[in-house]
Amino acid sequence: MSRLLVLFDLDNTLVDRRETVADWSAEFTARHGLDGEERAYVLGMVAERAYPSTFEVIRAHYRLPMSPEELWRTYCADIVASVSCPDEILDGLDELRGAGWRVGVATNGAVDIQRAKLRTAGIAERVDGIFVSEEADARKPQRRHFALAAARCGAVLGDGGWMVGDNPINDIGGGRSAGLHTIWVSDSRSWPLADRGPDHTVPHARAAIDHLLLHGADHAKATA
């Protein structure tokens, strides 16, 4: 029986980035004596994505004495120290691999912080492969991103599989374009786009895992 592939997004799918970054922005602005309005600016700078270049802009905007590299290192350390993955999701990743799935992470972002988060959260040791966009300048929703992530798991897109994520364009649209079935982690949101949407919608990643385990059991019966 062939092993089914599933790729998971990281931020706001396996781990909660929104709350972590919001807490960080509050601590950062307090540390540097900035007010609430400035907190909104800083949060806006890192909310969608954060790279070392982001801190070049923040440093120049506030004329901070630290170098951009030092600000980036501190940001990474602060975020990594706060990141966690719920036990039920970690257990679910183990259950998927135990059921014969190839499990991978497909994430946009900077290599150093994303891989550090995966290690600290206990995810890295529970998956077959990890691909971070900066490693080969291939960002979701580009098909190449999904192909490289599948390859890290010893799979190819042509064999099919699933993509699980919270971003309608990057994860769901990109996964569909790559030929994958899709599960949208909605976090109680309504589907925001005019297209047909994901193959399946769930409130959180554990529910996606439960759906995949059921699908895998059905697949095993069909191929037995």
Protein backbone atom coordinates (compact mmCIF):
# COMPACT_ATOMS: atom_id res chain seq x y z
CA MET A 1 0.00 0.00 0.00
CA SER A 2 1.35 3.45 -0.93
CA ARG A 3 1.99 5.93 1.87
CA LEU A 4 -0.27 8.97 1.74
CA LEU A 5 1.33 12.42 1.97
CA VAL A 6 0.13 15.31 4.10
CA LEU A 7 1.83 18.70 4.34
CA PHE A 8 1.04 21.06 7.21
CA ASP A 9 1.49 24.80 7.33
CA LEU A 10 3.27 25.94 10.50
CA ASP A 11 2.09 29.38 11.63
CA ASN A 12 -1.51 29.58 12.83
CA THR A 13 -1.98 25.95 11.87
CA LEU A 14 0.33 23.87 14.07
CA VAL A 15 1.35 26.80 16.31
CA ASP A 16 -0.36 30.07 17.21
CA ARG A 17 1.69 32.84 15.66
CA ARG A 18 -0.88 35.65 15.95
CA GLU A 19 -0.99 35.73 19.73
CA THR A 20 2.74 35.13 20.08
CA VAL A 21 3.61 38.04 17.79
CA ALA A 22 1.02 40.32 19.42
CA ASP A 23 2.55 39.62 22.85
CA TRP A 24 6.04 40.20 21.45
CA SER A 25 5.09 43.58 19.97
CA ALA A 26 3.75 44.72 23.34
CA GLU A 27 6.95 43.67 25.09
CA PHE A 28 9.16 45.22 22.38
CA THR A 29 7.49 48.61 22.48
CA ALA A 30 7.50 48.68 26.29
CA ARG A 31 11.19 47.74 26.31
CA HIS A 32 12.02 50.64 24.00
CA GLY A 33 9.72 53.20 25.63
CA LEU A 34 7.27 53.38 22.73
CA ASP A 35 3.55 54.07 23.09
CA GLY A 36 0.47 52.13 22.07
CA GLU A 37 0.27 53.72 18.63
CA GLU A 38 3.82 52.61 17.94
CA ARG A 39 2.92 49.12 19.11
CA ALA A 40 0.36 48.92 16.30
CA TYR A 41 3.02 49.98 13.79
CA VAL A 42 5.52 47.38 15.01
CA LEU A 43 2.88 44.67 15.03
CA GLY A 44 1.88 45.60 11.50
CA MET A 45 5.49 45.26 10.37
CA VAL A 46 5.82 41.68 11.61
CA ALA A 47 2.20 40.45 11.48
CA GLU A 48 2.29 38.95 7.97
CA ARG A 49 5.95 37.96 7.88
CA ALA A 50 9.24 38.93 9.51
CA TYR A 51 12.76 38.81 8.09
CA PRO A 52 16.05 40.48 9.06
CA SER A 53 15.23 43.24 6.55
CA THR A 54 12.08 44.03 8.57
CA PHE A 55 14.26 45.11 11.46
CA GLU A 56 16.32 47.38 9.25
CA VAL A 57 13.10 49.36 8.72
CA ILE A 58 12.10 49.27 12.40
CA ARG A 59 15.58 50.34 13.53
CA ALA A 60 15.65 53.26 11.09
CA HIS A 61 12.09 54.32 11.95
CA TYR A 62 12.82 54.57 15.68
CA ARG A 63 16.56 55.31 15.46
CA LEU A 64 17.31 52.41 17.77
CA PRO A 65 20.92 51.94 18.87
CA MET A 66 21.07 48.19 18.20
CA SER A 67 22.00 46.82 14.79
CA PRO A 68 19.33 45.18 12.63
CA GLU A 69 21.13 41.87 13.12
CA GLU A 70 20.94 42.21 16.90
CA LEU A 71 17.27 43.15 16.74
CA TRP A 72 16.56 40.13 14.53
CA ARG A 73 18.44 37.76 16.84
CA THR A 74 16.54 39.09 19.84
CA TYR A 75 13.23 38.79 18.00
CA CYS A 76 13.99 35.17 17.07
CA ALA A 77 14.97 34.29 20.63
CA ASP A 78 11.84 35.95 22.06
CA ILE A 79 9.46 34.24 19.61
CA VAL A 80 11.09 30.83 19.91
CA ALA A 81 10.95 31.04 23.72
CA SER A 82 7.18 31.60 23.51
CA VAL A 83 6.21 29.09 20.83
CA SER A 84 4.41 25.85 21.63
CA CYS A 85 2.31 23.20 19.95
CA PRO A 86 -0.66 21.64 21.76
CA ASP A 87 -0.07 18.10 23.00
CA GLU A 88 -3.07 16.80 21.09
CA ILE A 89 -1.55 18.01 17.82
CA LEU A 90 1.87 16.53 18.62
CA ASP A 91 0.16 13.23 19.47
CA GLY A 92 -1.79 13.47 16.23
CA LEU A 93 1.37 13.83 14.15
CA ASP A 94 2.67 10.65 15.79
CA GLU A 95 -0.63 8.93 15.06
CA LEU A 96 -0.50 9.89 11.41
CA ARG A 97 3.00 8.49 10.95
CA GLY A 98 2.02 5.41 12.90
CA ALA A 99 -0.87 4.94 10.48
CA GLY A 100 1.53 5.03 7.53
CA TRP A 101 1.32 8.67 6.45
CA ARG A 102 4.25 10.71 5.18
CA VAL A 103 4.01 13.90 7.23
CA GLY A 104 5.72 17.16 6.30
CA VAL A 105 5.77 20.85 7.08
CA ALA A 106 5.56 23.40 4.25
CA THR A 107 6.12 26.90 5.58
CA ASN A 108 7.02 30.33 4.31
CA GLY A 109 9.52 32.33 6.31
CA ALA A 110 13.15 32.71 7.32
CA VAL A 111 15.03 29.45 7.84
CA ASP A 112 16.58 30.20 11.21
CA ILE A 113 13.43 31.19 13.07
CA GLN A 114 11.10 28.67 11.42
CA ARG A 115 13.36 25.69 12.08
CA ALA A 116 14.03 26.87 15.64
CA LYS A 117 10.28 27.10 16.25
CA LEU A 118 9.77 23.60 14.86
CA ARG A 119 12.46 22.19 17.16
CA THR A 120 11.29 24.02 20.27
CA ALA A 121 7.63 23.12 19.71
CA GLY A 122 8.52 19.42 19.37
CA ILE A 123 7.30 19.22 15.77
CA ALA A 124 10.60 18.63 13.95
CA GLU A 125 11.10 15.19 15.45
CA ARG A 126 7.58 14.12 14.54
CA VAL A 127 7.62 14.74 10.79
CA ASP A 128 9.33 13.16 7.80
CA GLY A 129 10.40 16.38 6.15
CA ILE A 130 10.45 20.17 6.45
CA PHE A 131 10.70 22.80 3.75
CA VAL A 132 11.07 26.53 4.54
CA SER A 133 10.60 28.93 1.64
CA GLU A 134 13.87 30.82 2.20
CA GLU A 135 15.86 27.62 1.63
CA ALA A 136 15.23 27.75 -2.13
CA ASP A 137 13.40 31.06 -2.69
CA ALA A 138 10.14 29.21 -3.30
CA ARG A 139 7.18 30.67 -1.44
CA LYS A 140 3.67 29.35 -1.15
CA PRO A 141 1.48 29.49 -3.20
CA GLN A 142 4.10 28.59 -5.83
CA ARG A 143 3.82 24.99 -6.99
CA ARG A 144 7.59 24.57 -6.58
CA HIS A 145 7.25 25.11 -2.84
CA PHE A 146 4.90 22.14 -2.51
CA ALA A 147 7.04 19.99 -4.81
CA LEU A 148 10.13 20.65 -2.69
CA ALA A 149 8.20 20.00 0.53
CA ALA A 150 6.92 16.70 -0.86
CA ALA A 151 10.44 15.73 -1.91
CA ARG A 152 11.69 16.33 1.64
CA CYS A 153 9.20 13.65 2.69
CA GLY A 154 10.31 11.22 0.00
CA ALA A 155 7.20 11.84 -2.10
CA VAL A 156 6.22 13.48 -5.39
CA LEU A 157 3.20 15.66 -6.07
CA GLY A 158 2.07 13.36 -8.85
CA ASP A 159 1.19 10.74 -6.25
CA GLY A 160 -1.34 13.11 -4.66
CA GLY A 161 -1.79 13.99 -1.02
CA TRP A 162 -3.17 16.70 1.24
CA MET A 163 -2.31 20.25 2.30
CA VAL A 164 -3.53 21.56 5.67
CA GLY A 165 -3.32 25.27 6.46
CA ASP A 166 -5.03 28.47 7.54
CA ASN A 167 -4.21 30.75 4.61
CA PRO A 168 -6.84 30.65 1.84
CA ILE A 169 -4.42 31.72 -0.90
CA ASN A 170 -1.05 30.32 0.15
CA ASP A 171 -2.19 27.02 1.63
CA ILE A 172 -5.52 26.19 0.05
CA GLY A 173 -5.21 27.85 -3.36
CA GLY A 174 -1.56 26.87 -3.63
CA GLY A 175 -2.17 23.32 -2.48
CA ARG A 176 -5.02 22.87 -4.93
CA SER A 177 -2.89 24.22 -7.81
CA ALA A 178 -0.21 21.71 -6.83
CA GLY A 179 -2.71 18.87 -7.20
CA LEU A 180 -3.27 18.28 -3.49
CA HIS A 181 -6.53 17.85 -1.59
CA THR A 182 -6.94 20.66 0.90
CA ILE A 183 -8.11 21.15 4.48
CA TRP A 184 -8.66 24.70 5.68
CA VAL A 185 -8.09 25.47 9.37
CA SER A 186 -10.75 28.15 9.67
CA ASP A 187 -10.48 29.17 13.35
CA SER A 188 -14.22 29.91 13.12
CA ARG A 189 -13.85 32.18 10.07
CA SER A 190 -16.06 32.03 6.99
CA TRP A 191 -14.40 31.19 3.67
CA PRO A 192 -13.41 34.64 2.29
CA LEU A 193 -12.89 33.95 -1.41
CA ALA A 194 -15.27 33.51 -4.35
CA ASP A 195 -13.78 30.20 -5.50
CA ARG A 196 -15.09 26.78 -4.55
CA GLY A 197 -13.05 26.65 -1.37
CA PRO A 198 -11.20 23.78 0.31
CA ASP A 199 -12.11 20.11 0.16
CA HIS A 200 -12.73 20.13 3.89
CA THR A 201 -12.97 22.80 6.62
CA VAL A 202 -12.05 22.27 10.27
CA PRO A 203 -11.81 24.59 13.29
CA HIS A 204 -8.28 23.54 14.27
CA ALA A 205 -5.39 21.27 13.26
CA ARG A 206 -6.37 18.38 15.53
CA ALA A 207 -9.69 18.10 13.70
CA ALA A 208 -7.76 18.01 10.42
CA ILE A 209 -5.64 15.16 11.75
CA ASP A 210 -8.73 13.22 12.80
CA HIS A 211 -10.18 13.67 9.30
CA LEU A 212 -6.95 12.45 7.72
CA LEU A 213 -6.79 9.40 9.98
CA LEU A 214 -10.30 8.48 8.88
CA HIS A 215 -9.43 9.12 5.25
CA GLY A 216 -6.32 6.99 5.60
CA ALA A 217 -8.37 4.12 6.98
CA ASP A 218 -10.74 4.40 4.01
CA HIS A 219 -7.77 4.47 1.64
CA ALA A 220 -6.33 1.33 3.22
CA LYS A 221 -9.63 -0.49 2.75
CA ALA A 222 -9.87 0.64 -0.88
CA THR A 223 -6.34 -0.52 -1.73
CA ALA A 224 -6.38 -3.75 0.29
